[in-house]
Amino acid sequence: MTFNMTQNKWKIDDVLGVWPLHGLCGLWGGIAAGIFGLEMFGGLGGVSFLGQLTGSVLGISFAFILGFVTYKIINIFSPIRLSQEEEYNGADISIHKITATPNIDR
């Protein structure tokens, strides 16, 4: 569900699903540990919802900021995005000069 939402609704180009899987599901896991670890919800206690929420949000923020800065720096020296024609042809042909079906030449 989160993969389709990030790809189609939010238009985040993440073919491997890193953001929906590790980002959104990890965020929910961190927050859920703070909720369901509480004794009042049947957990063993010893967790703080506010602590889990704060840590989860800080973790996502750190990853987002560091990732954004890293990709901007890389993009200065070597553009990351393919041209429209290269996107249409696909990365295998545009970058690696190979096809998925080697018996068909382009």
Protein backbone atom coordinates (compact mmCIF):
# COMPACT_ATOMS: atom_id res chain seq x y z
CA MET A 1 0.00 0.00 0.00
CA THR A 2 2.70 2.52 0.95
CA PHE A 3 4.73 1.63 -2.14
CA ASN A 4 1.81 2.41 -4.46
CA MET A 5 1.00 5.57 -2.52
CA THR A 6 4.56 6.93 -2.76
CA GLN A 7 4.90 6.01 -6.44
CA ASN A 8 1.49 7.07 -7.76
CA LYS A 9 0.05 9.64 -5.37
CA TRP A 10 3.16 11.41 -4.04
CA LYS A 11 5.17 10.90 -7.29
CA ILE A 12 8.32 9.79 -5.41
CA ASP A 13 10.50 7.84 -7.84
CA ASP A 14 11.70 4.95 -5.69
CA VAL A 15 11.82 1.77 -7.75
CA LEU A 16 13.31 -0.32 -4.94
CA GLY A 17 10.74 0.77 -2.38
CA VAL A 18 13.36 1.98 0.10
CA TRP A 19 11.29 4.91 1.37
CA PRO A 20 7.96 3.06 1.81
CA LEU A 21 9.59 -0.03 3.31
CA HIS A 22 12.36 1.30 5.52
CA GLY A 23 11.11 4.87 5.94
CA LEU A 24 7.38 4.63 6.50
CA CYS A 25 7.25 1.11 7.93
CA GLY A 26 10.28 1.83 10.13
CA LEU A 27 8.62 5.01 11.37
CA TRP A 28 5.47 3.07 12.21
CA GLY A 29 7.53 0.34 13.93
CA GLY A 30 9.27 2.88 16.14
CA ILE A 31 6.03 4.58 17.09
CA ALA A 32 4.17 1.27 17.52
CA ALA A 33 6.84 0.06 19.97
CA GLY A 34 6.04 3.11 22.08
CA ILE A 35 2.32 2.42 21.92
CA PHE A 36 2.11 -1.36 22.31
CA GLY A 37 5.02 -1.59 24.75
CA LEU A 38 3.03 0.29 27.36
CA GLU A 39 1.60 -1.83 30.17
CA MET A 40 -1.88 -0.38 29.65
CA PHE A 41 -1.92 -1.98 26.18
CA GLY A 42 -0.57 -5.34 27.36
CA GLY A 43 3.12 -4.59 26.88
CA LEU A 44 5.92 -5.17 29.37
CA GLY A 45 6.39 -1.46 30.03
CA GLY A 46 9.72 0.28 30.25
CA VAL A 47 9.09 2.25 27.06
CA SER A 48 8.12 5.83 26.58
CA PHE A 49 5.72 6.73 23.78
CA LEU A 50 7.10 10.25 23.65
CA GLY A 51 10.65 8.91 23.54
CA GLN A 52 9.80 6.52 20.70
CA LEU A 53 7.98 9.24 18.78
CA THR A 54 10.82 11.71 19.21
CA GLY A 55 13.49 9.17 18.26
CA SER A 56 11.55 8.00 15.21
CA VAL A 57 10.93 11.54 13.93
CA LEU A 58 14.55 12.52 14.56
CA GLY A 59 15.75 9.39 12.72
CA ILE A 60 13.58 10.13 9.68
CA SER A 61 14.63 13.79 9.72
CA PHE A 62 18.33 12.91 9.95
CA ALA A 63 18.07 10.42 7.07
CA PHE A 64 16.09 12.86 4.91
CA ILE A 65 18.44 15.81 5.46
CA LEU A 66 21.62 13.77 5.03
CA GLY A 67 20.22 12.02 1.95
CA PHE A 68 19.10 15.30 0.41
CA VAL A 69 22.49 16.94 0.94
CA THR A 70 24.36 13.86 -0.32
CA TYR A 71 22.32 13.61 -3.53
CA LYS A 72 22.65 17.36 -4.18
CA ILE A 73 26.44 17.13 -3.86
CA ILE A 74 26.61 14.05 -6.10
CA ASN A 75 24.33 15.74 -8.65
CA ILE A 76 26.72 18.70 -8.89
CA PHE A 77 29.57 16.47 -10.07
CA SER A 78 27.63 13.80 -11.95
CA PRO A 79 23.96 14.34 -12.86
CA ILE A 80 21.83 11.56 -11.44
CA ARG A 81 18.70 11.95 -13.55
CA LEU A 82 18.57 10.47 -17.05
CA SER A 83 17.34 12.56 -19.96
CA GLN A 84 13.80 11.92 -21.26
CA GLU A 85 15.18 9.92 -24.19
CA GLU A 86 17.40 7.85 -21.89
CA GLU A 87 14.47 7.21 -19.56
CA TYR A 88 12.36 6.09 -22.51
CA ASN A 89 15.09 3.70 -23.71
CA GLY A 90 15.78 2.47 -20.17
CA ALA A 91 18.87 2.57 -18.00
CA ASP A 92 20.19 -0.79 -19.25
CA ILE A 93 20.61 0.53 -22.78
CA SER A 94 21.45 4.14 -21.86
CA ILE A 95 24.07 3.43 -19.23
CA HIS A 96 25.25 -0.15 -19.67
CA LYS A 97 24.61 -0.56 -23.40
CA ILE A 98 22.92 -3.93 -22.84
CA THR A 99 19.37 -5.24 -23.23
CA ALA A 100 17.32 -7.67 -21.20
CA THR A 101 17.02 -9.77 -24.35
CA PRO A 102 20.53 -9.93 -25.89
CA ASN A 103 19.29 -11.41 -29.18
CA ILE A 104 17.34 -8.22 -29.96
CA ASP A 105 19.40 -5.21 -31.03
CA ARG A 106 18.17 -1.67 -30.71
